[in-house]
Amino acid sequence: MKIGVVGCAGRMGQMLVREIAATAGCTLAGGTERVGGPALGKDLGILAGIDPLGVTAIDDPVALFADCDAVIDFTSPESTERHAALAAQSETVLVVGTTGLNPSQQAAIATAATHTAIVQSPNMSLGVNLLLALVEQVAHALDDDFDIDILEMHHRRKVDAPSGTALGLGRAAAAGRGVVLEDVWQKVRDGHTGARPRGEIGFATLRGGDVIGDHTVMFASEGERIELTHKASGRGIYAKGAVRAALWAQDKTPGLYSMRDVLGV
């Protein structure tokens, strides 16, 4: 399978290049960077800190999508929206790990998925997707005597909050309870907030240092508390999951899939 990477010189892009190069059944077909960027024309292997791969960074995503069976995207919401349209046009598999998309951008991805297979997840790791399944099951088993809060911490450079993974965990909890997350969430608490409403799903966000990603879902009631936690110690888990998703989607019909589909959980 010929796989391309948009944003190939970024931290995630470099990890994706290394993972694709090391994975049987796929080959690195190309990568893009922004117009005028310093990585243009450089070998993707050299950029990723491995041996040369004979593929250089370009600034033309149209050409990339035309040459690939799948493209992996961990860029920005604006770029991902454009890439989804290109994937639909070329009927190229798209794997989306970008977070922070607004409703309009998410709708654009859903529209593109009527023309090609798109795998989208706020987190590509096996552990987090198992956590999503567990959170939904626990929320379904417990009534709203248990308050639900989601605590997440990431590095100081992360620009969206709460994280896409935290929101995904919130949606899993809401699904378990049979409610819509937006109807019950509380993303900010400040000042004299009064007593906590029954059934609320709360979020707490921390930013600092070089933390890759810590997420905890707490179910708290009178006399007991359940905590489900995932901590990422390396970004390579996201690259492994994304490449696995691309290979899984190779023969799938058009549609919007998740990592839970890929992993069967």
Protein backbone atom coordinates (compact mmCIF):
# COMPACT_ATOMS: atom_id res chain seq x y z
CA MET A 1 0.00 0.00 0.00
CA LYS A 2 1.38 3.40 -1.01
CA ILE A 3 1.01 5.79 1.93
CA GLY A 4 1.70 9.54 2.01
CA VAL A 5 2.13 11.94 4.92
CA VAL A 6 1.00 15.56 5.02
CA GLY A 7 3.13 17.67 7.34
CA CYS A 8 5.95 15.17 6.87
CA ALA A 9 8.64 17.28 8.61
CA GLY A 10 6.72 17.85 11.85
CA ARG A 11 7.15 15.73 14.96
CA MET A 12 4.27 13.41 14.12
CA GLY A 13 5.14 13.50 10.43
CA GLN A 14 8.65 12.25 11.13
CA MET A 15 7.33 9.45 13.32
CA LEU A 16 4.87 8.45 10.62
CA VAL A 17 7.66 8.36 8.03
CA ARG A 18 9.71 6.07 10.27
CA GLU A 19 6.74 3.82 11.00
CA ILE A 20 5.72 3.49 7.35
CA ALA A 21 9.30 2.70 6.34
CA ALA A 22 9.48 -0.04 8.99
CA THR A 23 6.07 -1.65 8.36
CA ALA A 24 5.60 -4.62 6.06
CA GLY A 25 2.88 -4.25 3.45
CA CYS A 26 3.29 -0.54 2.85
CA THR A 27 5.69 1.90 1.24
CA LEU A 28 6.25 5.62 1.71
CA ALA A 29 4.93 7.25 -1.45
CA GLY A 30 5.47 10.92 -0.59
CA GLY A 31 5.06 13.76 1.84
CA THR A 32 4.13 17.43 1.80
CA GLU A 33 5.17 20.53 3.71
CA ARG A 34 4.00 24.13 3.57
CA VAL A 35 4.89 26.33 0.61
CA GLY A 36 8.31 27.86 1.15
CA GLY A 37 9.11 25.60 4.09
CA PRO A 38 12.73 24.66 4.79
CA ALA A 39 12.04 20.92 4.37
CA LEU A 40 11.00 21.15 0.72
CA GLY A 41 13.19 19.10 -1.60
CA LYS A 42 14.80 17.15 1.25
CA ASP A 43 14.69 13.38 1.53
CA LEU A 44 11.96 12.24 3.92
CA GLY A 45 14.25 9.63 5.43
CA ILE A 46 16.88 12.24 6.26
CA LEU A 47 14.21 14.52 7.73
CA ALA A 48 13.02 11.64 9.93
CA GLY A 49 16.51 10.74 11.09
CA ILE A 50 16.81 7.45 9.19
CA ASP A 51 18.52 6.33 5.97
CA PRO A 52 17.49 8.11 2.74
CA LEU A 53 14.28 6.79 1.22
CA GLY A 54 14.52 8.33 -2.22
CA VAL A 55 11.38 10.41 -1.65
CA THR A 56 11.52 14.19 -1.20
CA ALA A 57 9.13 16.63 0.46
CA ILE A 58 6.87 18.59 -1.91
CA ASP A 59 4.34 21.39 -1.45
CA ASP A 60 1.59 20.02 -3.74
CA PRO A 61 -1.02 17.98 -1.83
CA VAL A 62 -3.01 17.40 -5.05
CA ALA A 63 -0.07 15.47 -6.50
CA LEU A 64 0.41 13.58 -3.22
CA PHE A 65 -3.19 12.36 -3.10
CA ALA A 66 -3.04 11.36 -6.77
CA ASP A 67 0.03 9.20 -6.14
CA CYS A 68 -1.10 7.46 -2.92
CA ASP A 69 -3.48 4.73 -1.83
CA ALA A 70 -3.76 6.41 1.57
CA VAL A 71 -2.69 9.67 3.21
CA ILE A 72 -2.22 10.24 6.94
CA ASP A 73 -3.05 13.68 8.35
CA PHE A 74 -2.08 15.04 11.78
CA THR A 75 -1.98 18.71 10.69
CA SER A 76 -4.46 21.51 11.48
CA PRO A 77 -8.26 21.67 11.26
CA GLU A 78 -8.10 24.04 8.27
CA SER A 79 -5.63 21.86 6.40
CA THR A 80 -7.50 18.66 7.23
CA GLU A 81 -10.71 20.10 5.78
CA ARG A 82 -8.90 20.75 2.48
CA HIS A 83 -7.27 17.33 2.54
CA ALA A 84 -10.64 15.63 3.05
CA ALA A 85 -11.91 17.22 -0.15
CA LEU A 86 -8.82 16.01 -2.03
CA ALA A 87 -9.28 12.50 -0.62
CA ALA A 88 -12.87 12.45 -1.83
CA GLN A 89 -11.86 13.69 -5.28
CA SER A 90 -9.12 11.09 -5.74
CA GLU A 91 -10.92 8.35 -3.76
CA THR A 92 -7.84 8.01 -1.56
CA VAL A 93 -8.07 6.55 1.94
CA LEU A 94 -7.59 9.28 4.54
CA VAL A 95 -6.51 8.71 8.15
CA VAL A 96 -7.24 11.75 10.34
CA GLY A 97 -5.60 12.29 13.71
CA THR A 98 -6.12 16.07 13.73
CA THR A 99 -8.06 17.42 16.73
CA GLY A 100 -9.81 20.72 17.44
CA LEU A 101 -12.12 20.60 14.39
CA ASN A 102 -15.22 22.78 14.50
CA PRO A 103 -18.67 21.48 13.46
CA SER A 104 -18.31 22.82 9.90
CA GLN A 105 -14.94 21.12 9.44
CA GLN A 106 -16.28 17.89 10.88
CA ALA A 107 -19.22 18.05 8.49
CA ALA A 108 -16.79 18.44 5.58
CA ILE A 109 -15.03 15.25 6.63
CA ALA A 110 -18.36 13.41 6.88
CA THR A 111 -19.24 14.59 3.37
CA ALA A 112 -15.89 13.43 2.00
CA ALA A 113 -16.47 10.03 3.62
CA THR A 114 -19.38 9.43 1.25
CA HIS A 115 -16.78 9.12 -1.53
CA THR A 116 -13.88 7.32 0.19
CA ALA A 117 -12.93 5.51 3.36
CA ILE A 118 -11.86 7.87 6.15
CA VAL A 119 -10.62 6.68 9.53
CA GLN A 120 -10.84 9.45 12.12
CA SER A 121 -9.97 9.26 15.79
CA PRO A 122 -8.95 11.83 18.41
CA ASN A 123 -6.36 9.27 19.48
CA MET A 124 -4.84 6.45 17.44
CA SER A 125 -3.38 4.38 20.28
CA LEU A 126 -4.64 0.90 21.14
CA GLY A 127 -4.74 1.71 24.85
CA VAL A 128 -6.85 4.84 24.48
CA ASN A 129 -9.36 3.09 22.26
CA LEU A 130 -9.69 0.28 24.78
CA LEU A 131 -10.20 3.01 27.40
CA LEU A 132 -12.99 4.54 25.29
CA ALA A 133 -14.78 1.20 25.24
CA LEU A 134 -14.33 0.72 28.99
CA VAL A 135 -15.60 4.23 29.79
CA GLU A 136 -18.77 3.63 27.77
CA GLN A 137 -19.37 0.31 29.55
CA VAL A 138 -18.77 1.73 33.03
CA ALA A 139 -20.97 4.77 32.36
CA HIS A 140 -23.73 2.46 31.17
CA ALA A 141 -23.44 0.32 34.31
CA LEU A 142 -23.52 3.23 36.78
CA ASP A 143 -26.37 5.68 37.29
CA ASP A 144 -25.94 9.40 37.81
CA ASP A 145 -25.27 8.93 41.52
CA PHE A 146 -21.74 8.78 40.10
CA ASP A 147 -20.34 12.12 38.93
CA ILE A 148 -18.08 11.89 35.87
CA ASP A 149 -15.00 14.08 35.41
CA ILE A 150 -12.28 13.86 32.77
CA LEU A 151 -8.82 15.13 33.65
CA GLU A 152 -6.21 15.57 30.91
CA MET A 153 -2.69 16.97 30.70
CA HIS A 154 -0.55 17.73 27.65
CA HIS A 155 2.62 19.61 26.79
CA ARG A 156 2.70 23.40 26.83
CA ARG A 157 2.56 23.69 23.02
CA LYS A 158 -0.82 22.00 22.57
CA VAL A 159 -3.26 24.57 21.20
CA ASP A 160 -6.71 23.00 21.72
CA ALA A 161 -8.44 22.33 25.04
CA PRO A 162 -9.95 20.08 26.18
CA SER A 163 -7.96 17.63 24.10
CA GLY A 164 -9.65 15.70 21.34
CA THR A 165 -9.06 12.53 23.34
CA ALA A 166 -10.71 14.04 26.43
CA LEU A 167 -13.73 15.03 24.37
CA GLY A 168 -13.81 11.53 22.88
CA LEU A 169 -13.83 10.07 26.39
CA GLY A 170 -16.64 12.46 27.29
CA ARG A 171 -18.64 11.28 24.28
CA ALA A 172 -18.05 7.67 25.28
CA ALA A 173 -19.34 8.40 28.79
CA ALA A 174 -22.34 10.27 27.38
CA ALA A 175 -23.10 7.39 24.99
CA GLY A 176 -23.03 4.97 27.91
CA ARG A 177 -25.60 7.11 29.69
CA GLY A 178 -27.70 7.65 26.60
CA VAL A 179 -27.28 11.43 26.55
CA VAL A 180 -25.71 14.01 24.23
CA LEU A 181 -22.40 15.27 25.60
CA GLU A 182 -23.08 18.90 24.64
CA ASP A 183 -26.25 18.82 26.76
CA VAL A 184 -24.43 17.84 29.96
CA TRP A 185 -20.79 18.95 29.69
CA GLN A 186 -19.04 21.51 31.87
CA LYS A 187 -15.71 22.47 30.34
CA VAL A 188 -14.85 25.37 32.69
CA ARG A 189 -15.44 25.93 36.39
CA ASP A 190 -14.56 29.31 37.84
CA GLY A 191 -15.78 31.40 40.74
CA HIS A 192 -18.85 30.62 42.84
CA THR A 193 -20.32 27.82 40.74
CA GLY A 194 -22.85 26.46 43.22
CA ALA A 195 -23.60 22.77 43.73
CA ARG A 196 -22.78 20.41 40.90
CA PRO A 197 -25.82 19.49 38.77
CA ARG A 198 -26.74 15.81 38.68
CA GLY A 199 -25.62 14.08 35.49
CA GLU A 200 -22.99 16.67 34.54
CA ILE A 201 -19.82 15.49 32.76
CA GLY A 202 -16.94 17.75 33.72
CA PHE A 203 -13.53 18.44 32.20
CA ALA A 204 -10.28 19.66 33.73
CA THR A 205 -7.36 20.69 31.52
CA LEU A 206 -3.67 20.97 32.42
CA ARG A 207 -0.86 22.20 30.15
CA GLY A 208 2.84 22.09 30.93
CA GLY A 209 6.28 20.76 30.14
CA ASP A 210 6.64 17.97 27.62
CA VAL A 211 3.78 15.70 28.72
CA ILE A 212 2.72 13.65 25.70
CA GLY A 213 -0.75 12.84 26.96
CA ASP A 214 -2.33 11.77 30.27
CA HIS A 215 -6.07 11.09 30.57
CA THR A 216 -8.11 9.99 33.56
CA VAL A 217 -11.86 9.43 33.75
CA MET A 218 -13.23 9.55 37.30
CA PHE A 219 -16.57 8.15 38.42
CA ALA A 220 -17.15 9.53 41.93
CA SER A 221 -20.02 8.74 44.28
CA GLU A 222 -20.64 8.80 48.03
CA GLY A 223 -18.06 6.51 49.59
CA GLU A 224 -16.23 5.30 46.49
CA ARG A 225 -14.46 6.44 43.34
CA ILE A 226 -13.46 4.59 40.15
CA GLU A 227 -10.57 5.96 38.07
CA LEU A 228 -9.62 4.77 34.59
CA THR A 229 -6.29 6.15 33.37
CA HIS A 230 -4.12 6.07 30.26
CA LYS A 231 -0.66 7.66 30.08
CA ALA A 232 1.33 7.93 26.86
CA SER A 233 5.10 7.76 27.23
CA GLY A 234 5.91 8.08 23.52
CA ARG A 235 4.23 9.44 20.38
CA GLY A 236 5.18 6.34 18.44
CA ILE A 237 1.95 4.69 19.60
CA TYR A 238 -0.03 7.19 17.52
CA ALA A 239 2.05 6.53 14.41
CA LYS A 240 1.65 2.76 14.79
CA GLY A 241 -2.10 3.11 15.13
CA ALA A 242 -2.39 5.45 12.15
CA VAL A 243 -0.45 3.12 9.84
CA ARG A 244 -2.51 0.18 11.06
CA ALA A 245 -5.66 2.17 10.28
CA ALA A 246 -4.47 2.94 6.74
CA LEU A 247 -3.76 -0.72 6.03
CA TRP A 248 -7.12 -1.76 7.51
CA ALA A 249 -9.03 0.75 5.36
CA GLN A 250 -7.43 -0.30 2.08
CA ASP A 251 -10.36 -2.44 0.92
CA LYS A 252 -13.19 -0.73 2.79
CA THR A 253 -16.20 0.91 1.17
CA PRO A 254 -16.65 4.69 1.54
CA GLY A 255 -17.58 5.68 5.07
CA LEU A 256 -16.41 7.40 8.23
CA TYR A 257 -14.71 4.87 10.49
CA SER A 258 -13.06 5.07 13.90
CA MET A 259 -10.13 3.30 15.53
CA ARG A 260 -12.65 1.20 17.41
CA ASP A 261 -13.71 -0.14 14.00
CA VAL A 262 -10.07 -0.80 13.12
CA LEU A 263 -9.39 -2.61 16.40
CA GLY A 264 -12.76 -4.33 16.69
CA VAL A 265 -13.47 -3.03 20.20
